[in-house]
N, C-alpha and C. Protein backbone atom coordinates (compact mmCIF):
# COMPACT_ATOMS: atom_id res chain seq x y z
N MET A 1 -28.43 -30.54 32.10
CA MET A 1 -27.33 -30.31 30.98
C MET A 1 -27.84 -30.20 29.62
N VAL A 2 -28.91 -31.05 29.41
CA VAL A 2 -29.76 -31.00 28.07
C VAL A 2 -30.35 -29.70 27.95
N SER A 3 -30.86 -29.18 28.91
CA SER A 3 -31.56 -27.88 28.76
C SER A 3 -30.67 -26.67 28.37
N ARG A 4 -29.40 -26.79 28.94
CA ARG A 4 -28.50 -25.70 28.44
C ARG A 4 -28.18 -25.97 26.93
N MET A 5 -28.02 -27.08 26.34
CA MET A 5 -27.60 -27.47 25.19
C MET A 5 -28.84 -27.00 24.26
N THR A 6 -30.17 -27.18 24.66
CA THR A 6 -31.34 -26.83 24.01
C THR A 6 -31.35 -25.38 23.79
N ARG A 7 -30.83 -24.47 24.68
CA ARG A 7 -30.89 -22.98 24.62
C ARG A 7 -29.87 -22.61 23.68
N TRP A 8 -28.70 -23.20 23.43
CA TRP A 8 -27.60 -22.70 22.58
C TRP A 8 -27.96 -23.18 21.27
N VAL A 9 -28.70 -24.20 21.03
CA VAL A 9 -28.92 -24.64 19.43
C VAL A 9 -29.53 -23.69 18.47
N PRO A 10 -30.51 -23.03 18.97
CA PRO A 10 -31.12 -21.96 18.20
C PRO A 10 -30.06 -20.74 17.78
N ALA A 11 -29.34 -20.39 18.92
CA ALA A 11 -28.61 -19.26 18.74
C ALA A 11 -27.24 -19.79 17.90
N LEU A 12 -26.73 -20.94 17.93
CA LEU A 12 -25.70 -21.29 17.04
C LEU A 12 -26.12 -21.48 15.61
N ALA A 13 -27.49 -21.88 15.41
CA ALA A 13 -27.93 -22.10 14.15
C ALA A 13 -28.23 -20.75 13.40
N ALA A 14 -28.51 -19.78 14.32
CA ALA A 14 -28.59 -18.36 13.70
C ALA A 14 -27.34 -17.75 13.38
N LEU A 15 -26.37 -18.05 14.19
CA LEU A 15 -25.02 -17.64 14.01
C LEU A 15 -24.38 -18.21 12.65
N ALA A 16 -24.62 -19.50 12.58
CA ALA A 16 -24.06 -20.11 11.35
C ALA A 16 -24.76 -19.60 10.09
N ALA A 17 -25.97 -19.34 10.25
CA ALA A 17 -26.79 -18.81 9.09
C ALA A 17 -26.33 -17.57 8.63
N LEU A 18 -26.04 -16.63 9.59
CA LEU A 18 -25.39 -15.43 9.35
C LEU A 18 -23.95 -15.44 8.62
N ALA A 19 -23.18 -16.27 9.30
CA ALA A 19 -21.93 -16.43 8.68
C ALA A 19 -21.92 -16.89 7.20
N ALA A 20 -22.77 -17.74 6.97
CA ALA A 20 -22.84 -18.26 5.62
C ALA A 20 -23.42 -17.10 4.65
N LEU A 21 -24.33 -16.45 5.13
CA LEU A 21 -24.70 -15.13 4.36
C LEU A 21 -23.64 -14.16 4.20
N VAL A 22 -22.90 -13.79 5.06
CA VAL A 22 -21.83 -12.79 4.95
C VAL A 22 -20.85 -13.24 4.09
N ALA A 23 -20.41 -14.55 4.23
CA ALA A 23 -19.43 -15.22 3.27
C ALA A 23 -19.82 -15.21 1.86
N GLY A 24 -21.22 -15.30 1.59
CA GLY A 24 -21.60 -15.19 0.21
C GLY A 24 -21.89 -13.94 -0.23
N CYS A 25 -21.53 -12.75 0.31
CA CYS A 25 -21.94 -11.31 -0.27
C CYS A 25 -20.87 -10.87 -1.18
N GLY A 26 -21.04 -11.40 -2.24
CA GLY A 26 -20.37 -10.64 -3.39
C GLY A 26 -18.86 -10.81 -3.54
N GLY A 27 -18.14 -11.22 -2.64
CA GLY A 27 -16.73 -11.28 -2.79
C GLY A 27 -16.26 -12.53 -3.52
N LEU A 28 -15.14 -12.61 -4.09
CA LEU A 28 -14.60 -13.72 -4.71
C LEU A 28 -13.60 -14.33 -3.63
N SER A 29 -13.30 -15.57 -3.98
CA SER A 29 -12.26 -16.28 -3.13
C SER A 29 -10.87 -15.57 -3.51
N THR A 30 -9.82 -15.86 -2.75
CA THR A 30 -8.59 -15.38 -3.06
C THR A 30 -8.13 -15.98 -4.45
N VAL A 31 -8.17 -17.34 -4.66
CA VAL A 31 -7.91 -17.78 -5.99
C VAL A 31 -8.63 -17.26 -7.13
N GLU A 32 -9.98 -16.94 -6.96
CA GLU A 32 -10.70 -16.37 -8.02
C GLU A 32 -10.18 -14.96 -8.39
N ALA A 33 -9.95 -14.16 -7.20
CA ALA A 33 -9.48 -12.97 -7.37
C ALA A 33 -8.20 -12.86 -7.96
N GLU A 34 -7.24 -13.76 -7.75
CA GLU A 34 -5.90 -13.70 -8.30
C GLU A 34 -6.11 -14.09 -9.81
N GLN A 35 -6.97 -15.01 -10.28
CA GLN A 35 -7.19 -15.28 -11.56
C GLN A 35 -7.63 -14.05 -12.24
N ARG A 36 -8.40 -13.25 -11.69
CA ARG A 36 -9.08 -12.10 -12.55
C ARG A 36 -7.97 -11.05 -12.61
N CYS A 37 -7.24 -10.88 -11.52
CA CYS A 37 -6.17 -9.87 -11.55
C CYS A 37 -4.97 -10.29 -12.40
N ASP A 38 -4.74 -11.73 -12.62
CA ASP A 38 -3.69 -12.18 -13.52
C ASP A 38 -4.19 -11.73 -14.97
N GLN A 39 -5.47 -11.94 -15.33
CA GLN A 39 -6.06 -11.92 -16.53
C GLN A 39 -5.98 -10.23 -16.92
N GLU A 40 -6.09 -9.37 -15.90
CA GLU A 40 -6.09 -8.06 -16.09
C GLU A 40 -4.60 -7.49 -16.38
N ARG A 41 -3.80 -8.22 -15.57
CA ARG A 41 -2.29 -7.83 -15.69
C ARG A 41 -1.85 -8.21 -17.12
N ALA A 42 -2.37 -9.51 -17.39
CA ALA A 42 -1.92 -9.83 -18.83
C ALA A 42 -2.28 -9.04 -20.09
N ALA A 43 -3.66 -8.42 -20.00
CA ALA A 43 -4.02 -7.78 -20.99
C ALA A 43 -3.61 -6.24 -20.90
N ASP A 44 -2.92 -5.84 -19.81
CA ASP A 44 -2.60 -4.52 -19.68
C ASP A 44 -1.25 -4.02 -20.22
N ALA A 45 -1.36 -3.71 -21.57
CA ALA A 45 -0.08 -3.40 -22.20
C ALA A 45 0.84 -2.20 -21.74
N SER A 46 0.03 -1.28 -21.10
CA SER A 46 0.60 -0.17 -20.50
C SER A 46 1.55 -0.30 -19.32
N GLY A 47 1.40 -1.45 -18.76
CA GLY A 47 2.17 -1.71 -17.60
C GLY A 47 1.78 -1.04 -16.36
N CYS A 48 0.41 -0.68 -16.28
CA CYS A 48 0.04 0.11 -15.11
C CYS A 48 -0.36 -0.87 -13.97
N ILE A 49 -0.20 -1.96 -14.02
CA ILE A 49 -0.58 -2.96 -12.80
C ILE A 49 0.75 -3.35 -12.17
N SER A 50 1.10 -2.52 -11.18
CA SER A 50 2.33 -2.86 -10.58
C SER A 50 2.05 -3.83 -9.51
N ASP A 51 3.02 -4.25 -8.68
CA ASP A 51 2.83 -5.33 -7.71
C ASP A 51 1.90 -4.62 -6.62
N ALA A 52 1.99 -3.41 -6.28
CA ALA A 52 1.05 -2.86 -5.28
C ALA A 52 -0.38 -2.79 -5.92
N ALA A 53 -0.53 -2.30 -7.05
CA ALA A 53 -1.83 -2.36 -7.77
C ALA A 53 -2.36 -3.72 -7.88
N TYR A 54 -1.53 -4.80 -8.12
CA TYR A 54 -2.09 -6.06 -8.15
C TYR A 54 -2.56 -6.55 -6.87
N ASP A 55 -2.03 -6.29 -5.76
CA ASP A 55 -2.41 -6.54 -4.42
C ASP A 55 -3.79 -5.87 -4.12
N GLN A 56 -3.78 -4.56 -4.54
CA GLN A 56 -5.07 -3.87 -4.35
C GLN A 56 -6.28 -4.51 -5.37
N CYS A 57 -5.86 -4.88 -6.29
CA CYS A 57 -6.81 -5.67 -7.28
C CYS A 57 -7.36 -6.67 -6.53
N VAL A 58 -6.40 -7.64 -6.08
CA VAL A 58 -7.05 -8.97 -5.32
C VAL A 58 -7.83 -8.51 -4.30
N THR A 59 -7.44 -7.68 -3.39
CA THR A 59 -8.28 -7.09 -2.20
C THR A 59 -9.55 -6.80 -2.76
N CYS A 60 -9.56 -5.91 -3.72
CA CYS A 60 -10.90 -5.36 -4.06
C CYS A 60 -11.90 -6.49 -4.69
N TYR A 61 -11.41 -7.40 -5.55
CA TYR A 61 -12.26 -8.50 -5.91
C TYR A 61 -12.71 -9.44 -4.68
N GLU A 62 -11.79 -9.62 -3.75
CA GLU A 62 -12.26 -10.37 -2.61
C GLU A 62 -13.29 -9.76 -1.78
N GLU A 63 -13.24 -8.32 -1.77
CA GLU A 63 -14.32 -7.60 -0.97
C GLU A 63 -15.47 -7.46 -1.70
N CYS A 64 -15.49 -7.18 -2.99
CA CYS A 64 -16.70 -6.76 -3.73
C CYS A 64 -17.05 -7.55 -5.04
N GLY A 65 -16.15 -8.44 -5.35
CA GLY A 65 -16.53 -9.38 -6.42
C GLY A 65 -16.67 -8.66 -7.72
N ASP A 66 -17.58 -8.90 -8.56
CA ASP A 66 -17.70 -8.27 -9.92
C ASP A 66 -18.19 -6.86 -9.84
N ASP A 67 -18.29 -6.32 -8.58
CA ASP A 67 -18.53 -4.83 -8.58
C ASP A 67 -17.16 -4.13 -8.36
N CYS A 68 -16.20 -4.73 -8.26
CA CYS A 68 -14.86 -4.10 -8.21
C CYS A 68 -14.73 -3.33 -9.54
N SER A 69 -14.14 -2.12 -9.44
CA SER A 69 -13.88 -1.30 -10.59
C SER A 69 -12.44 -0.88 -10.55
N ARG A 70 -12.04 -0.65 -11.76
CA ARG A 70 -10.49 -0.12 -11.97
C ARG A 70 -10.64 1.31 -12.44
N GLY A 71 -9.87 2.14 -11.84
CA GLY A 71 -9.90 3.53 -12.17
C GLY A 71 -8.91 3.65 -13.43
N GLY A 72 -8.93 4.74 -14.12
CA GLY A 72 -8.17 4.95 -15.45
C GLY A 72 -6.80 5.62 -15.21
N SER A 73 -6.39 5.58 -13.82
CA SER A 73 -5.06 6.03 -13.58
C SER A 73 -3.92 5.03 -13.72
N CYS A 74 -2.69 5.55 -13.71
CA CYS A 74 -1.73 4.65 -13.82
C CYS A 74 -0.65 4.93 -12.79
N PRO A 75 -0.41 4.18 -11.71
CA PRO A 75 -0.63 2.89 -11.72
C PRO A 75 -2.10 2.70 -11.47
N ALA A 76 -2.68 1.42 -11.85
CA ALA A 76 -3.98 1.31 -11.60
C ALA A 76 -4.46 1.22 -10.24
N GLN A 77 -5.85 1.67 -9.94
CA GLN A 77 -6.32 1.79 -8.62
C GLN A 77 -7.61 1.00 -8.77
N TYR A 78 -7.88 0.29 -7.86
CA TYR A 78 -9.14 -0.52 -7.65
C TYR A 78 -9.94 -0.12 -6.59
N SER A 79 -11.27 -0.07 -6.70
CA SER A 79 -12.14 0.22 -5.76
C SER A 79 -13.52 -0.36 -5.74
N CYS A 80 -14.15 -0.52 -4.46
CA CYS A 80 -15.51 -0.97 -4.60
C CYS A 80 -16.53 0.16 -4.42
N PRO A 81 -17.41 0.04 -5.07
CA PRO A 81 -18.63 1.12 -5.15
C PRO A 81 -19.09 1.31 -3.53
N GLU A 82 -19.44 2.41 -3.43
CA GLU A 82 -19.81 2.82 -2.12
C GLU A 82 -21.47 2.70 -1.86
């Protein structure tokens, strides 16, 4: 039984390291993304950040963090660089 456990320990450690690496790749937490989008919505005098655009904003910041960019259209469109 111990030998089975010994074989799995390195694999589990590698998997945990990979998960930590992927989780830290650029994206913001939902709370941080919502804070950014709240700031953008408050600063948007033109009213171009609809509810759908806000949701797109949050998703964009969650996926690509500071690399998220807003297009100049109205309603606003958010995208990650490719």
